[in-house]
Amino acid sequence: LFLAETPDDPTSQATAMSLAGWARRLAGYDDEG
């Protein structure tokens, strides 16, 4: 949902992907993050 609401510009998308990766790492999925 967070990624779907992110604006389409590359800067916003890259920032959102970074944060999504961090969330995956916090959930214990280091490699995926």
PDB file of all heavy atoms in Angstrom:
ATOM      1  N   LEU A   1       0.835  -1.206   0.000  1.00  0.00           N
ATOM      2  CA  LEU A   1       0.000   0.000   0.000  1.00  0.00           C
ATOM      3  C   LEU A   1       0.868   1.253   0.000  1.00  0.00           C
ATOM      4  O   LEU A   1       0.584   2.213  -0.725  1.00  0.00           O
ATOM      5  CB  LEU A   1      -0.930   0.005   1.219  1.00  0.00           C
ATOM      6  CG  LEU A   1      -2.067  -1.005   1.209  1.00  0.00           C
ATOM      7  CD1 LEU A   1      -2.783  -1.006   2.561  1.00  0.00           C
ATOM      8  CD2 LEU A   1      -3.042  -0.691   0.087  1.00  0.00           C
ATOM      9  N   PHE A   2       1.910   1.241   0.798  1.00  0.00           N
ATOM     10  CA  PHE A   2       2.839   2.371   0.859  1.00  0.00           C
ATOM     11  C   PHE A   2       3.466   2.620  -0.512  1.00  0.00           C
ATOM     12  O   PHE A   2       3.514   3.750  -0.996  1.00  0.00           O
ATOM     13  CB  PHE A   2       3.921   2.079   1.911  1.00  0.00           C
ATOM     14  CG  PHE A   2       5.039   3.076   1.936  1.00  0.00           C
ATOM     15  CD1 PHE A   2       4.834   4.359   2.413  1.00  0.00           C
ATOM     16  CD2 PHE A   2       6.302   2.719   1.506  1.00  0.00           C
ATOM     17  CE1 PHE A   2       5.870   5.282   2.454  1.00  0.00           C
ATOM     18  CE2 PHE A   2       7.350   3.631   1.546  1.00  0.00           C
ATOM     19  CZ  PHE A   2       7.126   4.908   2.024  1.00  0.00           C
ATOM     20  N   LEU A   3       3.923   1.557  -1.164  1.00  0.00           N
ATOM     21  CA  LEU A   3       4.541   1.702  -2.485  1.00  0.00           C
ATOM     22  C   LEU A   3       3.531   2.171  -3.529  1.00  0.00           C
ATOM     23  O   LEU A   3       3.874   2.948  -4.421  1.00  0.00           O
ATOM     24  CB  LEU A   3       5.192   0.385  -2.912  1.00  0.00           C
ATOM     25  CG  LEU A   3       6.422  -0.031  -2.102  1.00  0.00           C
ATOM     26  CD1 LEU A   3       6.869  -1.431  -2.508  1.00  0.00           C
ATOM     27  CD2 LEU A   3       7.549   0.962  -2.262  1.00  0.00           C
ATOM     28  N   ALA A   4       2.299   1.702  -3.417  1.00  0.00           N
ATOM     29  CA  ALA A   4       1.266   2.100  -4.377  1.00  0.00           C
ATOM     30  C   ALA A   4       0.933   3.583  -4.273  1.00  0.00           C
ATOM     31  O   ALA A   4       0.554   4.208  -5.262  1.00  0.00           O
ATOM     32  CB  ALA A   4       0.011   1.263  -4.165  1.00  0.00           C
ATOM     33  N   GLU A   5       1.078   4.154  -3.090  1.00  0.00           N
ATOM     34  CA  GLU A   5       0.768   5.564  -2.872  1.00  0.00           C
ATOM     35  C   GLU A   5       1.946   6.494  -3.165  1.00  0.00           C
ATOM     36  O   GLU A   5       1.802   7.709  -3.118  1.00  0.00           O
ATOM     37  CB  GLU A   5       0.306   5.771  -1.430  1.00  0.00           C
ATOM     38  CG  GLU A   5      -1.002   5.075  -1.108  1.00  0.00           C
ATOM     39  CD  GLU A   5      -1.360   5.164   0.360  1.00  0.00           C
ATOM     40  OE1 GLU A   5      -0.590   5.757   1.137  1.00  0.00           O
ATOM     41  OE2 GLU A   5      -2.403   4.617   0.729  1.00  0.00           O
ATOM     42  N   THR A   6       3.091   5.926  -3.484  1.00  0.00           N
ATOM     43  CA  THR A   6       4.285   6.719  -3.745  1.00  0.00           C
ATOM     44  C   THR A   6       4.191   7.369  -5.122  1.00  0.00           C
ATOM     45  O   THR A   6       3.801   6.715  -6.089  1.00  0.00           O
ATOM     46  CB  THR A   6       5.538   5.813  -3.683  1.00  0.00           C
ATOM     47  OG1 THR A   6       5.578   5.172  -2.415  1.00  0.00           O
ATOM     48  CG2 THR A   6       6.803   6.613  -3.868  1.00  0.00           C
ATOM     49  N   PRO A   7       4.546   8.651  -5.235  1.00  0.00           N
ATOM     50  CA  PRO A   7       4.549   9.292  -6.554  1.00  0.00           C
ATOM     51  C   PRO A   7       5.445   8.540  -7.542  1.00  0.00           C
ATOM     52  O   PRO A   7       6.350   7.809  -7.154  1.00  0.00           O
ATOM     53  CB  PRO A   7       5.111  10.691  -6.265  1.00  0.00           C
ATOM     54  CG  PRO A   7       4.819  10.920  -4.817  1.00  0.00           C
ATOM     55  CD  PRO A   7       4.911   9.571  -4.166  1.00  0.00           C
ATOM     56  N   ASP A   8       5.188   8.742  -8.828  1.00  0.00           N
ATOM     57  CA  ASP A   8       5.867   7.977  -9.869  1.00  0.00           C
ATOM     58  C   ASP A   8       7.276   8.444 -10.212  1.00  0.00           C
ATOM     59  O   ASP A   8       7.966   7.785 -10.988  1.00  0.00           O
ATOM     60  CB  ASP A   8       5.024   7.975 -11.155  1.00  0.00           C
ATOM     61  CG  ASP A   8       3.786   7.110 -11.017  1.00  0.00           C
ATOM     62  OD1 ASP A   8       3.800   6.186 -10.193  1.00  0.00           O
ATOM     63  OD2 ASP A   8       2.816   7.365 -11.751  1.00  0.00           O
ATOM     64  N   ASP A   9       7.731   9.557  -9.666  1.00  0.00           N
ATOM     65  CA  ASP A   9       9.067  10.029 -10.031  1.00  0.00           C
ATOM     66  C   ASP A   9      10.135   9.107  -9.425  1.00  0.00           C
ATOM     67  O   ASP A   9       9.924   8.508  -8.369  1.00  0.00           O
ATOM     68  CB  ASP A   9       9.272  11.472  -9.578  1.00  0.00           C
ATOM     69  CG  ASP A   9       9.215  11.611  -8.076  1.00  0.00           C
ATOM     70  OD1 ASP A   9       8.091  11.602  -7.527  1.00  0.00           O
ATOM     71  OD2 ASP A   9      10.281  11.705  -7.449  1.00  0.00           O
ATOM     72  N   PRO A  10      11.264   8.964 -10.110  1.00  0.00           N
ATOM     73  CA  PRO A  10      12.301   8.030  -9.653  1.00  0.00           C
ATOM     74  C   PRO A  10      12.828   8.309  -8.245  1.00  0.00           C
ATOM     75  O   PRO A  10      13.125   7.374  -7.501  1.00  0.00           O
ATOM     76  CB  PRO A  10      13.420   8.200 -10.688  1.00  0.00           C
ATOM     77  CG  PRO A  10      12.764   8.745 -11.892  1.00  0.00           C
ATOM     78  CD  PRO A  10      11.617   9.575 -11.401  1.00  0.00           C
ATOM     79  N   THR A  11      12.919   9.567  -7.864  1.00  0.00           N
ATOM     80  CA  THR A  11      13.424   9.891  -6.533  1.00  0.00           C
ATOM     81  C   THR A  11      12.486   9.365  -5.447  1.00  0.00           C
ATOM     82  O   THR A  11      12.929   8.732  -4.489  1.00  0.00           O
ATOM     83  CB  THR A  11      13.610  11.417  -6.390  1.00  0.00           C
ATOM     84  OG1 THR A  11      14.541  11.853  -7.389  1.00  0.00           O
ATOM     85  CG2 THR A  11      14.120  11.788  -5.010  1.00  0.00           C
ATOM     86  N   SER A  12      11.206   9.608  -5.607  1.00  0.00           N
ATOM     87  CA  SER A  12      10.226   9.112  -4.630  1.00  0.00           C
ATOM     88  C   SER A  12      10.176   7.595  -4.625  1.00  0.00           C
ATOM     89  O   SER A  12      10.106   6.966  -3.558  1.00  0.00           O
ATOM     90  CB  SER A  12       8.834   9.667  -4.944  1.00  0.00           C
ATOM     91  OG  SER A  12       8.819  11.062  -4.832  1.00  0.00           O
ATOM     92  N   GLN A  13      10.209   6.984  -5.802  1.00  0.00           N
ATOM     93  CA  GLN A  13      10.171   5.529  -5.892  1.00  0.00           C
ATOM     94  C   GLN A  13      11.410   4.910  -5.227  1.00  0.00           C
ATOM     95  O   GLN A  13      11.287   3.920  -4.504  1.00  0.00           O
ATOM     96  CB  GLN A  13      10.082   5.092  -7.360  1.00  0.00           C
ATOM     97  CG  GLN A  13       8.740   5.361  -7.998  1.00  0.00           C
ATOM     98  CD  GLN A  13       7.653   4.461  -7.442  1.00  0.00           C
ATOM     99  OE1 GLN A  13       7.848   3.263  -7.295  1.00  0.00           O
ATOM    100  NE2 GLN A  13       6.513   5.048  -7.142  1.00  0.00           N
ATOM    101  N   ALA A  14      12.579   5.486  -5.474  1.00  0.00           N
ATOM    102  CA  ALA A  14      13.810   4.956  -4.876  1.00  0.00           C
ATOM    103  C   ALA A  14      13.785   5.094  -3.358  1.00  0.00           C
ATOM    104  O   ALA A  14      14.197   4.185  -2.631  1.00  0.00           O
ATOM    105  CB  ALA A  14      15.030   5.663  -5.456  1.00  0.00           C
ATOM    106  N   THR A  15      13.288   6.208  -2.876  1.00  0.00           N
ATOM    107  CA  THR A  15      13.187   6.413  -1.432  1.00  0.00           C
ATOM    108  C   THR A  15      12.230   5.397  -0.822  1.00  0.00           C
ATOM    109  O   THR A  15      12.532   4.774   0.203  1.00  0.00           O
ATOM    110  CB  THR A  15      12.719   7.846  -1.125  1.00  0.00           C
ATOM    111  OG1 THR A  15      13.649   8.767  -1.696  1.00  0.00           O
ATOM    112  CG2 THR A  15      12.617   8.092   0.364  1.00  0.00           C
ATOM    113  N   ALA A  16      11.089   5.204  -1.449  1.00  0.00           N
ATOM    114  CA  ALA A  16      10.102   4.245  -0.949  1.00  0.00           C
ATOM    115  C   ALA A  16      10.653   2.821  -0.978  1.00  0.00           C
ATOM    116  O   ALA A  16      10.445   2.048  -0.030  1.00  0.00           O
ATOM    117  CB  ALA A  16       8.818   4.340  -1.775  1.00  0.00           C
ATOM    118  N   MET A  17      11.347   2.468  -2.041  1.00  0.00           N
ATOM    119  CA  MET A  17      11.932   1.125  -2.120  1.00  0.00           C
ATOM    120  C   MET A  17      12.976   0.917  -1.028  1.00  0.00           C
ATOM    121  O   MET A  17      13.063  -0.175  -0.452  1.00  0.00           O
ATOM    122  CB  MET A  17      12.559   0.893  -3.489  1.00  0.00           C
ATOM    123  CG  MET A  17      11.550   0.650  -4.581  1.00  0.00           C
ATOM    124  SD  MET A  17      12.347   0.321  -6.168  1.00  0.00           S
ATOM    125  CE  MET A  17      13.046  -1.293  -5.859  1.00  0.00           C
ATOM    126  N   SER A  18      13.753   1.940  -0.736  1.00  0.00           N
ATOM    127  CA  SER A  18      14.746   1.844   0.339  1.00  0.00           C
ATOM    128  C   SER A  18      14.063   1.575   1.675  1.00  0.00           C
ATOM    129  O   SER A  18      14.485   0.700   2.437  1.00  0.00           O
ATOM    130  CB  SER A  18      15.557   3.137   0.446  1.00  0.00           C
ATOM    131  OG  SER A  18      16.275   3.383  -0.718  1.00  0.00           O
ATOM    132  N   LEU A  19      13.013   2.316   1.945  1.00  0.00           N
ATOM    133  CA  LEU A  19      12.283   2.135   3.200  1.00  0.00           C
ATOM    134  C   LEU A  19      11.586   0.779   3.258  1.00  0.00           C
ATOM    135  O   LEU A  19      11.534   0.141   4.311  1.00  0.00           O
ATOM    136  CB  LEU A  19      11.287   3.271   3.386  1.00  0.00           C
ATOM    137  CG  LEU A  19      11.921   4.652   3.577  1.00  0.00           C
ATOM    138  CD1 LEU A  19      10.842   5.729   3.585  1.00  0.00           C
ATOM    139  CD2 LEU A  19      12.748   4.701   4.839  1.00  0.00           C
ATOM    140  N   ALA A  20      11.068   0.326   2.129  1.00  0.00           N
ATOM    141  CA  ALA A  20      10.446  -1.001   2.075  1.00  0.00           C
ATOM    142  C   ALA A  20      11.499  -2.085   2.333  1.00  0.00           C
ATOM    143  O   ALA A  20      11.230  -3.071   3.026  1.00  0.00           O
ATOM    144  CB  ALA A  20       9.773  -1.215   0.727  1.00  0.00           C
ATOM    145  N   GLY A  21      12.692  -1.888   1.791  1.00  0.00           N
ATOM    146  CA  GLY A  21      13.774  -2.829   2.057  1.00  0.00           C
ATOM    147  C   GLY A  21      14.153  -2.857   3.526  1.00  0.00           C
ATOM    148  O   GLY A  21      14.394  -3.919   4.106  1.00  0.00           O
ATOM    149  N   TRP A  22      14.179  -1.690   4.134  1.00  0.00           N
ATOM    150  CA  TRP A  22      14.491  -1.616   5.571  1.00  0.00           C
ATOM    151  C   TRP A  22      13.416  -2.334   6.381  1.00  0.00           C
ATOM    152  O   TRP A  22      13.722  -3.048   7.332  1.00  0.00           O
ATOM    153  CB  TRP A  22      14.632  -0.167   6.002  1.00  0.00           C
ATOM    154  CG  TRP A  22      15.056  -0.033   7.433  1.00  0.00           C
ATOM    155  CD1 TRP A  22      14.303   0.414   8.469  1.00  0.00           C
ATOM    156  CD2 TRP A  22      16.337  -0.359   7.978  1.00  0.00           C
ATOM    157  NE1 TRP A  22      15.039   0.395   9.627  1.00  0.00           N
ATOM    158  CE2 TRP A  22      16.290  -0.078   9.362  1.00  0.00           C
ATOM    159  CE3 TRP A  22      17.513  -0.864   7.437  1.00  0.00           C
ATOM    160  CZ2 TRP A  22      17.375  -0.289  10.202  1.00  0.00           C
ATOM    161  CZ3 TRP A  22      18.601  -1.069   8.290  1.00  0.00           C
ATOM    162  CH2 TRP A  22      18.522  -0.784   9.649  1.00  0.00           C
ATOM    163  N   ALA A  23      12.158  -2.170   6.001  1.00  0.00           N
ATOM    164  CA  ALA A  23      11.072  -2.864   6.706  1.00  0.00           C
ATOM    165  C   ALA A  23      11.231  -4.378   6.584  1.00  0.00           C
ATOM    166  O   ALA A  23      11.013  -5.117   7.547  1.00  0.00           O
ATOM    167  CB  ALA A  23       9.715  -2.424   6.146  1.00  0.00           C
ATOM    168  N   ARG A  24      11.627  -4.843   5.418  1.00  0.00           N
ATOM    169  CA  ARG A  24      11.857  -6.269   5.232  1.00  0.00           C
ATOM    170  C   ARG A  24      13.016  -6.742   6.115  1.00  0.00           C
ATOM    171  O   ARG A  24      12.959  -7.811   6.699  1.00  0.00           O
ATOM    172  CB  ARG A  24      12.129  -6.575   3.766  1.00  0.00           C
ATOM    173  CG  ARG A  24      10.864  -6.580   2.945  1.00  0.00           C
ATOM    174  CD  ARG A  24      11.164  -6.655   1.456  1.00  0.00           C
ATOM    175  NE  ARG A  24      10.015  -7.078   0.688  1.00  0.00           N
ATOM    176  CZ  ARG A  24       8.946  -6.339   0.426  1.00  0.00           C
ATOM    177  NH1 ARG A  24       8.870  -5.118   0.911  1.00  0.00           N
ATOM    178  NH2 ARG A  24       7.949  -6.800  -0.283  1.00  0.00           N
ATOM    179  N   ARG A  25      14.050  -5.930   6.220  1.00  0.00           N
ATOM    180  CA  ARG A  25      15.175  -6.272   7.080  1.00  0.00           C
ATOM    181  C   ARG A  25      14.729  -6.344   8.535  1.00  0.00           C
ATOM    182  O   ARG A  25      15.087  -7.252   9.265  1.00  0.00           O
ATOM    183  CB  ARG A  25      16.285  -5.227   6.894  1.00  0.00           C
ATOM    184  CG  ARG A  25      17.586  -5.573   7.601  1.00  0.00           C
ATOM    185  CD  ARG A  25      17.644  -4.892   8.956  1.00  0.00           C
ATOM    186  NE  ARG A  25      18.962  -5.057   9.531  1.00  0.00           N
ATOM    187  CZ  ARG A  25      19.182  -5.707  10.659  1.00  0.00           C
ATOM    188  NH1 ARG A  25      18.214  -6.262  11.313  1.00  0.00           N
ATOM    189  NH2 ARG A  25      20.392  -5.805  11.151  1.00  0.00           N
ATOM    190  N   LEU A  26      13.911  -5.396   8.970  1.00  0.00           N
ATOM    191  CA  LEU A  26      13.417  -5.401  10.343  1.00  0.00           C
ATOM    192  C   LEU A  26      12.541  -6.617  10.623  1.00  0.00           C
ATOM    193  O   LEU A  26      12.480  -7.094  11.751  1.00  0.00           O
ATOM    194  CB  LEU A  26      12.638  -4.119  10.633  1.00  0.00           C
ATOM    195  CG  LEU A  26      13.465  -2.836  10.685  1.00  0.00           C
ATOM    196  CD1 LEU A  26      12.552  -1.641  10.911  1.00  0.00           C
ATOM    197  CD2 LEU A  26      14.541  -2.912  11.750  1.00  0.00           C
ATOM    198  N   ALA A  27      11.879  -7.124   9.585  1.00  0.00           N
ATOM    199  CA  ALA A  27      11.046  -8.317   9.734  1.00  0.00           C
ATOM    200  C   ALA A  27      11.882  -9.592   9.727  1.00  0.00           C
ATOM    201  O   ALA A  27      11.343 -10.689   9.881  1.00  0.00           O
ATOM    202  CB  ALA A  27      10.009  -8.371   8.617  1.00  0.00           C
ATOM    203  N   GLY A  28      13.201  -9.452   9.538  1.00  0.00           N
ATOM    204  CA  GLY A  28      14.075 -10.610   9.576  1.00  0.00           C
ATOM    205  C   GLY A  28      14.469 -11.153   8.216  1.00  0.00           C
ATOM    206  O   GLY A  28      15.120 -12.183   8.124  1.00  0.00           O
ATOM    207  N   TYR A  29      14.102 -10.454   7.166  1.00  0.00           N
ATOM    208  CA  TYR A  29      14.415 -10.889   5.807  1.00  0.00           C
ATOM    209  C   TYR A  29      15.548 -10.016   5.255  1.00  0.00           C
ATOM    210  O   TYR A  29      15.357  -9.201   4.356  1.00  0.00           O
ATOM    211  CB  TYR A  29      13.166 -10.803   4.925  1.00  0.00           C
ATOM    212  CG  TYR A  29      12.076 -11.734   5.373  1.00  0.00           C
ATOM    213  CD1 TYR A  29      11.143 -11.348   6.329  1.00  0.00           C
ATOM    214  CD2 TYR A  29      11.986 -13.017   4.858  1.00  0.00           C
ATOM    215  CE1 TYR A  29      10.149 -12.206   6.757  1.00  0.00           C
ATOM    216  CE2 TYR A  29      11.000 -13.893   5.282  1.00  0.00           C
ATOM    217  CZ  TYR A  29      10.080 -13.485   6.236  1.00  0.00           C
ATOM    218  OH  TYR A  29       9.099 -14.341   6.659  1.00  0.00           O
ATOM    219  N   ASP A  30      16.741 -10.209   5.820  1.00  0.00           N
ATOM    220  CA  ASP A  30      17.887  -9.364   5.479  1.00  0.00           C
ATOM    221  C   ASP A  30      18.222  -9.397   3.996  1.00  0.00           C
ATOM    222  O   ASP A  30      18.423  -8.346   3.384  1.00  0.00           O
ATOM    223  CB  ASP A  30      19.115  -9.778   6.279  1.00  0.00           C
ATOM    224  CG  ASP A  30      19.030  -9.391   7.741  1.00  0.00           C
ATOM    225  OD1 ASP A  30      18.009  -8.811   8.147  1.00  0.00           O
ATOM    226  OD2 ASP A  30      19.990  -9.666   8.477  1.00  0.00           O
ATOM    227  N   ASP A  31      18.321 -10.588   3.427  1.00  0.00           N
ATOM    228  CA  ASP A  31      18.725 -10.695   2.023  1.00  0.00           C
ATOM    229  C   ASP A  31      17.730 -10.008   1.092  1.00  0.00           C
ATOM    230  O   ASP A  31      18.115  -9.283   0.175  1.00  0.00           O
ATOM    231  CB  ASP A  31      18.890 -12.160   1.606  1.00  0.00           C
ATOM    232  CG  ASP A  31      20.066 -12.822   2.312  1.00  0.00           C
ATOM    233  OD1 ASP A  31      20.964 -12.093   2.778  1.00  0.00           O
ATOM    234  OD2 ASP A  31      20.077 -14.065   2.390  1.00  0.00           O
ATOM    235  N   GLU A  32      16.455 -10.228   1.342  1.00  0.00           N
ATOM    236  CA  GLU A  32      15.429  -9.573   0.521  1.00  0.00           C
ATOM    237  C   GLU A  32      15.471  -8.057   0.704  1.00  0.00           C
ATOM    238  O   GLU A  32      15.356  -7.298  -0.255  1.00  0.00           O
ATOM    239  CB  GLU A  32      14.043 -10.111   0.878  1.00  0.00           C
ATOM    240  CG  GLU A  32      12.956  -9.567   0.007  1.00  0.00           C
ATOM    241  CD  GLU A  32      11.589 -10.137   0.341  1.00  0.00           C
ATOM    242  OE1 GLU A  32      11.500 -11.123   1.094  1.00  0.00           O
ATOM    243  OE2 GLU A  32      10.611  -9.565  -0.154  1.00  0.00           O
ATOM    244  N   GLY A  33      15.649  -7.621   1.943  1.00  0.00           N
ATOM    245  CA  GLY A  33      15.739  -6.191   2.207  1.00  0.00           C
ATOM    246  C   GLY A  33      16.904  -5.547   1.478  1.00  0.00           C
ATOM    247  O   GLY A  33      16.764  -4.472   0.882  1.00  0.00           O
TER     248      GLY A  33
END
